[in-house]
Amino acid sequence: MIRVLFLAQLREQLGVAELQVTAESVVSIATLKQYLVTSNPQWKQYLSNSKLLFAVNHEYAKVDAAIEAGDEVAFFPPVTGG
């Protein structure tokens, strides 16, 4: 199982904060995104955002980062501060 978290505005846009993914074909954040969009086509506009950020086990990661069972993957929009 991969624990997937959606944070901040993305959580509101998708209408879900967290889910569990068991797909065997999910080996990277990119394949996880593809799996999520295939399973939930209405999410495509939000998950296709090129500025979307990712973390694997609380560490920033790039879209090509490898993931495996037991990992926690967070999706979140860019954070701005002042």
C-alpha atoms as a PDB file:
ATOM      1  CA  MET A   1       0.000   0.000   0.000  1.00  0.00           C
ATOM      2  CA  ILE A   2       1.078   3.528  -0.781  1.00  0.00           C
ATOM      3  CA  ARG A   3      -0.453   6.246   1.361  1.00  0.00           C
ATOM      4  CA  VAL A   4      -1.322   9.273  -0.780  1.00  0.00           C
ATOM      5  CA  LEU A   5      -1.988  12.660   0.812  1.00  0.00           C
ATOM      6  CA  PHE A   6      -3.456  15.721  -0.863  1.00  0.00           C
ATOM      7  CA  LEU A   7      -2.619  18.943   0.946  1.00  0.00           C
ATOM      8  CA  ALA A   8      -3.828  22.547   1.073  1.00  0.00           C
ATOM      9  CA  GLN A   9      -5.969  23.788  -1.824  1.00  0.00           C
ATOM     10  CA  LEU A  10      -5.454  20.539  -3.734  1.00  0.00           C
ATOM     11  CA  ARG A  11      -7.323  18.646  -0.995  1.00  0.00           C
ATOM     12  CA  GLU A  12     -10.294  20.976  -1.440  1.00  0.00           C
ATOM     13  CA  GLN A  13     -10.211  20.754  -5.240  1.00  0.00           C
ATOM     14  CA  LEU A  14     -10.174  16.942  -5.263  1.00  0.00           C
ATOM     15  CA  GLY A  15     -12.553  16.537  -2.337  1.00  0.00           C
ATOM     16  CA  VAL A  16     -10.297  14.011  -0.613  1.00  0.00           C
ATOM     17  CA  ALA A  17      -7.457  14.352   1.886  1.00  0.00           C
ATOM     18  CA  GLU A  18      -5.974  10.857   1.775  1.00  0.00           C
ATOM     19  CA  LEU A  19      -6.247   7.498   0.059  1.00  0.00           C
ATOM     20  CA  GLN A  20      -4.455   4.175  -0.189  1.00  0.00           C
ATOM     21  CA  VAL A  21      -3.159   2.830  -3.515  1.00  0.00           C
ATOM     22  CA  THR A  22      -2.264  -0.806  -4.118  1.00  0.00           C
ATOM     23  CA  ALA A  23      -1.673  -0.753  -7.884  1.00  0.00           C
ATOM     24  CA  GLU A  24       1.328  -2.900  -8.790  1.00  0.00           C
ATOM     25  CA  SER A  25       2.141  -0.677 -11.774  1.00  0.00           C
ATOM     26  CA  VAL A  26       2.782   2.330  -9.521  1.00  0.00           C
ATOM     27  CA  VAL A  27       6.574   2.633  -9.315  1.00  0.00           C
ATOM     28  CA  SER A  28       7.120   6.405  -9.439  1.00  0.00           C
ATOM     29  CA  ILE A  29       5.257   9.597  -8.709  1.00  0.00           C
ATOM     30  CA  ALA A  30       4.624   9.925 -12.461  1.00  0.00           C
ATOM     31  CA  THR A  31       2.945   6.510 -12.659  1.00  0.00           C
ATOM     32  CA  LEU A  32       1.005   7.286  -9.483  1.00  0.00           C
ATOM     33  CA  LYS A  33      -0.314  10.499 -11.074  1.00  0.00           C
ATOM     34  CA  GLN A  34      -1.276   8.558 -14.199  1.00  0.00           C
ATOM     35  CA  TYR A  35      -3.060   5.911 -12.103  1.00  0.00           C
ATOM     36  CA  LEU A  36      -4.954   8.582 -10.126  1.00  0.00           C
ATOM     37  CA  VAL A  37      -6.085  10.419 -13.273  1.00  0.00           C
ATOM     38  CA  THR A  38      -7.151   7.175 -14.951  1.00  0.00           C
ATOM     39  CA  SER A  39      -9.152   6.215 -11.855  1.00  0.00           C
ATOM     40  CA  ASN A  40     -10.536   9.745 -11.369  1.00  0.00           C
ATOM     41  CA  PRO A  41     -10.660  11.587 -14.722  1.00  0.00           C
ATOM     42  CA  GLN A  42     -12.165  14.669 -13.077  1.00  0.00           C
ATOM     43  CA  TRP A  43      -8.829  15.169 -11.241  1.00  0.00           C
ATOM     44  CA  LYS A  44      -6.814  15.603 -14.444  1.00  0.00           C
ATOM     45  CA  GLN A  45      -6.961  19.402 -14.475  1.00  0.00           C
ATOM     46  CA  TYR A  46      -5.566  19.569 -10.934  1.00  0.00           C
ATOM     47  CA  LEU A  47      -2.970  16.802 -11.083  1.00  0.00           C
ATOM     48  CA  SER A  48      -1.660  18.015 -14.456  1.00  0.00           C
ATOM     49  CA  ASN A  49      -0.547  21.338 -12.983  1.00  0.00           C
ATOM     50  CA  SER A  50       3.154  21.677 -13.879  1.00  0.00           C
ATOM     51  CA  LYS A  51       3.802  23.580 -10.630  1.00  0.00           C
ATOM     52  CA  LEU A  52       2.500  20.779  -8.422  1.00  0.00           C
ATOM     53  CA  LEU A  53       4.978  19.687  -5.739  1.00  0.00           C
ATOM     54  CA  PHE A  54       5.590  16.241  -4.256  1.00  0.00           C
ATOM     55  CA  ALA A  55       7.101  14.674  -1.181  1.00  0.00           C
ATOM     56  CA  VAL A  56       7.961  11.048  -0.512  1.00  0.00           C
ATOM     57  CA  ASN A  57       8.193  10.142   3.157  1.00  0.00           C
ATOM     58  CA  HIS A  58       8.339  13.847   4.114  1.00  0.00           C
ATOM     59  CA  GLU A  59      11.155  14.697   1.660  1.00  0.00           C
ATOM     60  CA  TYR A  60      10.654  16.846  -1.427  1.00  0.00           C
ATOM     61  CA  ALA A  61      10.782  14.712  -4.563  1.00  0.00           C
ATOM     62  CA  LYS A  62      10.657  15.084  -8.322  1.00  0.00           C
ATOM     63  CA  VAL A  63       7.956  13.532 -10.462  1.00  0.00           C
ATOM     64  CA  ASP A  64      10.302  10.733 -11.569  1.00  0.00           C
ATOM     65  CA  ALA A  65      11.114   9.700  -7.981  1.00  0.00           C
ATOM     66  CA  ALA A  66      10.704   5.990  -7.286  1.00  0.00           C
ATOM     67  CA  ILE A  67       8.050   4.886  -4.800  1.00  0.00           C
ATOM     68  CA  GLU A  68       7.159   1.532  -3.306  1.00  0.00           C
ATOM     69  CA  ALA A  69       4.764  -0.135  -0.900  1.00  0.00           C
ATOM     70  CA  GLY A  70       4.900   1.468   2.530  1.00  0.00           C
ATOM     71  CA  ASP A  71       5.758   4.927   1.215  1.00  0.00           C
ATOM     72  CA  GLU A  72       3.785   8.071   1.912  1.00  0.00           C
ATOM     73  CA  VAL A  73       3.429  10.399  -1.068  1.00  0.00           C
ATOM     74  CA  ALA A  74       2.113  13.933  -0.662  1.00  0.00           C
ATOM     75  CA  PHE A  75       0.825  16.132  -3.491  1.00  0.00           C
ATOM     76  CA  PHE A  76       0.582  19.862  -2.833  1.00  0.00           C
ATOM     77  CA  PRO A  77       0.476  23.202  -4.625  1.00  0.00           C
ATOM     78  CA  PRO A  78       3.418  25.599  -4.517  1.00  0.00           C
ATOM     79  CA  VAL A  79       3.671  27.416  -1.211  1.00  0.00           C
ATOM     80  CA  THR A  80       4.139  31.145  -1.141  1.00  0.00           C
ATOM     81  CA  GLY A  81       5.036  33.245   1.808  1.00  0.00           C
ATOM     82  CA  GLY A  82       5.817  36.765   2.669  1.00  0.00           C
END
